[in-house]
Amino acid sequence: MTIEKIIELQQQNIKENTDIPILNTEELVDIRDVKINTKLPKQERMKNFVKQIKNPYLFKCGKLTIQLEYEDNAKDLDDMLLEYIKAI
């Protein structure tokens, strides 16, 4: 997958009030339908996931539409989970 394709996927939109055309949510893949072969090497699992989900930034889970957005300098998920667990 090219950098240009990743940027295009990040910019797909379900929100109104933007200059980017709104995506038809009926076309999104339901993440519950994605099947990962855990016996594959990590790199192959990642490729297979992206191939199945089509857009890792925008997908469905049942009736919910999920749109992921990341900040450039944000903490990664591991750091955030550790902070959460320490706070409990």
N, C-alpha and C. Protein backbone atom coordinates (compact mmCIF):
# COMPACT_ATOMS: atom_id res chain seq x y z
N MET A 1 0.86 -1.17 0.00
CA MET A 1 0.00 0.00 0.00
C MET A 1 0.91 1.24 0.00
N THR A 2 0.56 2.17 -0.84
CA THR A 2 1.38 3.37 -0.96
C THR A 2 0.99 4.42 0.08
N ILE A 3 1.88 5.37 0.31
CA ILE A 3 1.58 6.49 1.22
C ILE A 3 0.37 7.26 0.70
N GLU A 4 0.29 7.45 -0.60
CA GLU A 4 -0.83 8.18 -1.19
C GLU A 4 -2.16 7.47 -0.89
N LYS A 5 -2.16 6.15 -0.98
CA LYS A 5 -3.38 5.37 -0.70
C LYS A 5 -3.75 5.48 0.77
N ILE A 6 -2.77 5.43 1.66
CA ILE A 6 -3.04 5.56 3.09
C ILE A 6 -3.65 6.93 3.39
N ILE A 7 -3.11 7.97 2.80
CA ILE A 7 -3.65 9.33 2.99
C ILE A 7 -5.07 9.40 2.47
N GLU A 8 -5.32 8.79 1.32
CA GLU A 8 -6.68 8.78 0.75
C GLU A 8 -7.66 8.08 1.71
N LEU A 9 -7.24 6.95 2.27
CA LEU A 9 -8.10 6.22 3.20
C LEU A 9 -8.36 7.03 4.46
N GLN A 10 -7.34 7.71 4.97
CA GLN A 10 -7.50 8.54 6.17
C GLN A 10 -8.49 9.67 5.93
N GLN A 11 -8.55 10.15 4.71
CA GLN A 11 -9.38 11.31 4.41
C GLN A 11 -10.82 10.96 4.07
N GLN A 12 -11.12 9.68 3.90
CA GLN A 12 -12.52 9.32 3.67
C GLN A 12 -13.32 9.77 4.88
N ASN A 13 -14.56 10.13 4.65
CA ASN A 13 -15.29 10.84 5.67
C ASN A 13 -16.73 10.37 5.79
N ILE A 14 -17.23 10.35 7.03
CA ILE A 14 -18.65 10.10 7.27
C ILE A 14 -19.30 11.32 7.89
N LYS A 15 -18.49 12.33 8.18
CA LYS A 15 -19.00 13.53 8.83
C LYS A 15 -19.49 14.53 7.80
N GLU A 16 -20.50 15.26 8.19
CA GLU A 16 -20.94 16.37 7.37
C GLU A 16 -20.10 17.58 7.75
N ASN A 17 -20.31 18.70 7.13
CA ASN A 17 -19.60 19.95 7.44
C ASN A 17 -18.11 19.88 7.12
N THR A 18 -17.73 19.12 6.11
CA THR A 18 -16.34 19.13 5.64
C THR A 18 -16.36 19.25 4.12
N ASP A 19 -15.21 19.52 3.56
CA ASP A 19 -15.09 19.64 2.10
C ASP A 19 -14.98 18.27 1.43
N ILE A 20 -14.72 17.25 2.21
CA ILE A 20 -14.54 15.91 1.67
C ILE A 20 -15.90 15.25 1.48
N PRO A 21 -16.16 14.65 0.33
CA PRO A 21 -17.46 14.00 0.12
C PRO A 21 -17.72 12.93 1.17
N ILE A 22 -18.96 12.82 1.57
CA ILE A 22 -19.35 11.84 2.58
C ILE A 22 -19.41 10.45 1.95
N LEU A 23 -18.83 9.48 2.63
CA LEU A 23 -18.79 8.11 2.17
C LEU A 23 -20.10 7.40 2.50
N ASN A 24 -20.56 6.57 1.62
CA ASN A 24 -21.76 5.76 1.87
C ASN A 24 -21.39 4.67 2.87
N THR A 25 -21.94 4.73 4.07
CA THR A 25 -21.57 3.78 5.11
C THR A 25 -22.01 2.34 4.79
N GLU A 26 -22.93 2.18 3.87
CA GLU A 26 -23.35 0.82 3.47
C GLU A 26 -22.22 0.07 2.78
N GLU A 27 -21.23 0.80 2.25
CA GLU A 27 -20.11 0.19 1.55
C GLU A 27 -18.99 -0.25 2.49
N LEU A 28 -19.09 0.11 3.77
CA LEU A 28 -18.03 -0.21 4.71
C LEU A 28 -18.05 -1.68 5.11
N VAL A 29 -16.88 -2.20 5.44
CA VAL A 29 -16.74 -3.59 5.87
C VAL A 29 -17.03 -3.67 7.37
N ASP A 30 -17.75 -4.70 7.77
CA ASP A 30 -18.01 -4.95 9.18
C ASP A 30 -16.80 -5.70 9.75
N ILE A 31 -16.17 -5.12 10.74
CA ILE A 31 -14.95 -5.72 11.30
C ILE A 31 -15.21 -7.11 11.87
N ARG A 32 -16.45 -7.41 12.22
CA ARG A 32 -16.77 -8.74 12.74
C ARG A 32 -16.63 -9.81 11.67
N ASP A 33 -16.63 -9.40 10.40
CA ASP A 33 -16.48 -10.35 9.30
C ASP A 33 -15.02 -10.61 8.93
N VAL A 34 -14.12 -9.85 9.52
CA VAL A 34 -12.69 -10.00 9.22
C VAL A 34 -12.15 -11.20 9.99
N LYS A 35 -11.49 -12.07 9.29
CA LYS A 35 -10.90 -13.28 9.91
C LYS A 35 -9.38 -13.21 9.75
N ILE A 36 -8.68 -13.37 10.86
CA ILE A 36 -7.21 -13.30 10.85
C ILE A 36 -6.64 -14.67 11.17
N ASN A 37 -5.73 -15.12 10.32
CA ASN A 37 -5.02 -16.37 10.55
C ASN A 37 -3.84 -16.06 11.47
N THR A 38 -3.95 -16.43 12.74
CA THR A 38 -2.93 -16.10 13.72
C THR A 38 -1.64 -16.89 13.54
N LYS A 39 -1.66 -17.85 12.64
CA LYS A 39 -0.46 -18.64 12.37
C LYS A 39 0.46 -17.96 11.36
N LEU A 40 -0.06 -16.94 10.68
CA LEU A 40 0.75 -16.20 9.72
C LEU A 40 1.72 -15.28 10.45
N PRO A 41 2.85 -14.93 9.82
CA PRO A 41 3.75 -13.94 10.43
C PRO A 41 3.03 -12.59 10.58
N LYS A 42 3.50 -11.79 11.52
CA LYS A 42 2.84 -10.52 11.83
C LYS A 42 2.63 -9.66 10.59
N GLN A 43 3.64 -9.55 9.76
CA GLN A 43 3.55 -8.71 8.55
C GLN A 43 2.42 -9.20 7.64
N GLU A 44 2.31 -10.50 7.48
CA GLU A 44 1.28 -11.07 6.63
C GLU A 44 -0.12 -10.88 7.24
N ARG A 45 -0.21 -11.01 8.56
CA ARG A 45 -1.49 -10.76 9.23
C ARG A 45 -1.95 -9.33 9.02
N MET A 46 -1.01 -8.39 9.11
CA MET A 46 -1.36 -6.98 8.91
C MET A 46 -1.83 -6.74 7.48
N LYS A 47 -1.12 -7.29 6.52
CA LYS A 47 -1.52 -7.14 5.11
C LYS A 47 -2.90 -7.74 4.87
N ASN A 48 -3.12 -8.91 5.43
CA ASN A 48 -4.39 -9.59 5.26
C ASN A 48 -5.53 -8.80 5.91
N PHE A 49 -5.27 -8.22 7.08
CA PHE A 49 -6.29 -7.41 7.75
C PHE A 49 -6.67 -6.21 6.89
N VAL A 50 -5.69 -5.49 6.37
CA VAL A 50 -5.98 -4.32 5.55
C VAL A 50 -6.70 -4.72 4.27
N LYS A 51 -6.30 -5.84 3.69
CA LYS A 51 -6.98 -6.32 2.48
C LYS A 51 -8.45 -6.60 2.75
N GLN A 52 -8.76 -7.20 3.89
CA GLN A 52 -10.15 -7.54 4.22
C GLN A 52 -10.96 -6.33 4.64
N ILE A 53 -10.40 -5.46 5.49
CA ILE A 53 -11.16 -4.35 6.05
C ILE A 53 -11.27 -3.19 5.04
N LYS A 54 -10.37 -3.16 4.07
CA LYS A 54 -10.31 -2.17 3.00
C LYS A 54 -9.89 -0.79 3.49
N ASN A 55 -10.42 -0.33 4.61
CA ASN A 55 -10.00 0.96 5.19
C ASN A 55 -9.90 0.80 6.70
N PRO A 56 -8.67 0.71 7.23
CA PRO A 56 -8.51 0.52 8.68
C PRO A 56 -8.89 1.75 9.50
N TYR A 57 -9.19 2.85 8.85
CA TYR A 57 -9.59 4.08 9.53
C TYR A 57 -11.10 4.26 9.58
N LEU A 58 -11.81 3.50 8.78
CA LEU A 58 -13.26 3.69 8.66
C LEU A 58 -13.91 2.35 8.34
N PHE A 59 -14.71 1.84 9.27
CA PHE A 59 -15.34 0.54 9.09
C PHE A 59 -16.57 0.47 9.98
N LYS A 60 -17.26 -0.64 9.92
CA LYS A 60 -18.46 -0.83 10.74
C LYS A 60 -18.22 -1.93 11.77
N CYS A 61 -19.01 -1.87 12.82
CA CYS A 61 -19.10 -2.96 13.79
C CYS A 61 -20.59 -3.06 14.10
N GLY A 62 -21.25 -3.97 13.42
CA GLY A 62 -22.71 -4.05 13.52
C GLY A 62 -23.32 -2.80 12.92
N LYS A 63 -24.18 -2.15 13.69
CA LYS A 63 -24.85 -0.93 13.21
C LYS A 63 -24.02 0.33 13.44
N LEU A 64 -22.90 0.18 14.16
CA LEU A 64 -22.05 1.34 14.45
C LEU A 64 -21.04 1.56 13.34
N THR A 65 -20.82 2.81 13.01
CA THR A 65 -19.77 3.18 12.08
C THR A 65 -18.61 3.72 12.90
N ILE A 66 -17.42 3.18 12.67
CA ILE A 66 -16.22 3.55 13.43
C ILE A 66 -15.29 4.33 12.51
N GLN A 67 -14.90 5.52 12.96
CA GLN A 67 -13.92 6.31 12.21
C GLN A 67 -12.78 6.65 13.17
N LEU A 68 -11.60 6.11 12.86
CA LEU A 68 -10.43 6.33 13.70
C LEU A 68 -9.66 7.55 13.21
N GLU A 69 -9.23 8.35 14.15
CA GLU A 69 -8.39 9.51 13.84
C GLU A 69 -7.25 9.52 14.84
N TYR A 70 -6.07 9.89 14.37
CA TYR A 70 -4.89 9.92 15.21
C TYR A 70 -4.25 11.29 15.16
N GLU A 71 -3.71 11.71 16.29
CA GLU A 71 -2.93 12.94 16.33
C GLU A 71 -1.49 12.58 16.01
N ASP A 72 -0.78 13.51 15.39
CA ASP A 72 0.61 13.26 15.02
C ASP A 72 1.50 12.96 16.22
N ASN A 73 1.33 13.68 17.31
CA ASN A 73 2.21 13.52 18.46
C ASN A 73 1.52 12.85 19.64
N ALA A 74 0.49 12.10 19.36
CA ALA A 74 -0.27 11.45 20.42
C ALA A 74 0.50 10.26 20.98
N LYS A 75 0.14 9.87 22.19
CA LYS A 75 0.71 8.67 22.79
C LYS A 75 0.19 7.46 22.02
N ASP A 76 0.99 6.40 22.01
CA ASP A 76 0.50 5.21 21.33
C ASP A 76 -0.44 4.44 22.25
N LEU A 77 -1.13 3.47 21.69
CA LEU A 77 -2.15 2.72 22.42
C LEU A 77 -1.56 2.01 23.64
N ASP A 78 -0.37 1.45 23.51
CA ASP A 78 0.26 0.75 24.63
C ASP A 78 0.44 1.69 25.82
N ASP A 79 0.95 2.90 25.57
CA ASP A 79 1.16 3.87 26.65
C ASP A 79 -0.17 4.26 27.30
N MET A 80 -1.19 4.45 26.49
CA MET A 80 -2.48 4.85 27.03
C MET A 80 -3.09 3.74 27.88
N LEU A 81 -2.96 2.49 27.43
CA LEU A 81 -3.49 1.37 28.21
C LEU A 81 -2.74 1.22 29.53
N LEU A 82 -1.42 1.39 29.51
CA LEU A 82 -0.66 1.32 30.75
C LEU A 82 -1.10 2.39 31.74
N GLU A 83 -1.31 3.60 31.25
CA GLU A 83 -1.78 4.69 32.12
C GLU A 83 -3.15 4.36 32.69
N TYR A 84 -4.01 3.81 31.87
CA TYR A 84 -5.36 3.45 32.33
C TYR A 84 -5.29 2.39 33.42
N ILE A 85 -4.48 1.35 33.20
CA ILE A 85 -4.38 0.26 34.17
C ILE A 85 -3.77 0.76 35.48
N LYS A 86 -2.79 1.65 35.40
CA LYS A 86 -2.18 2.20 36.62
C LYS A 86 -3.19 3.04 37.41
N ALA A 87 -4.14 3.65 36.72
CA ALA A 87 -5.11 4.52 37.38
C ALA A 87 -6.19 3.73 38.11
N ILE A 88 -6.35 2.46 37.77
CA ILE A 88 -7.43 1.65 38.37
C ILE A 88 -7.09 1.29 39.81
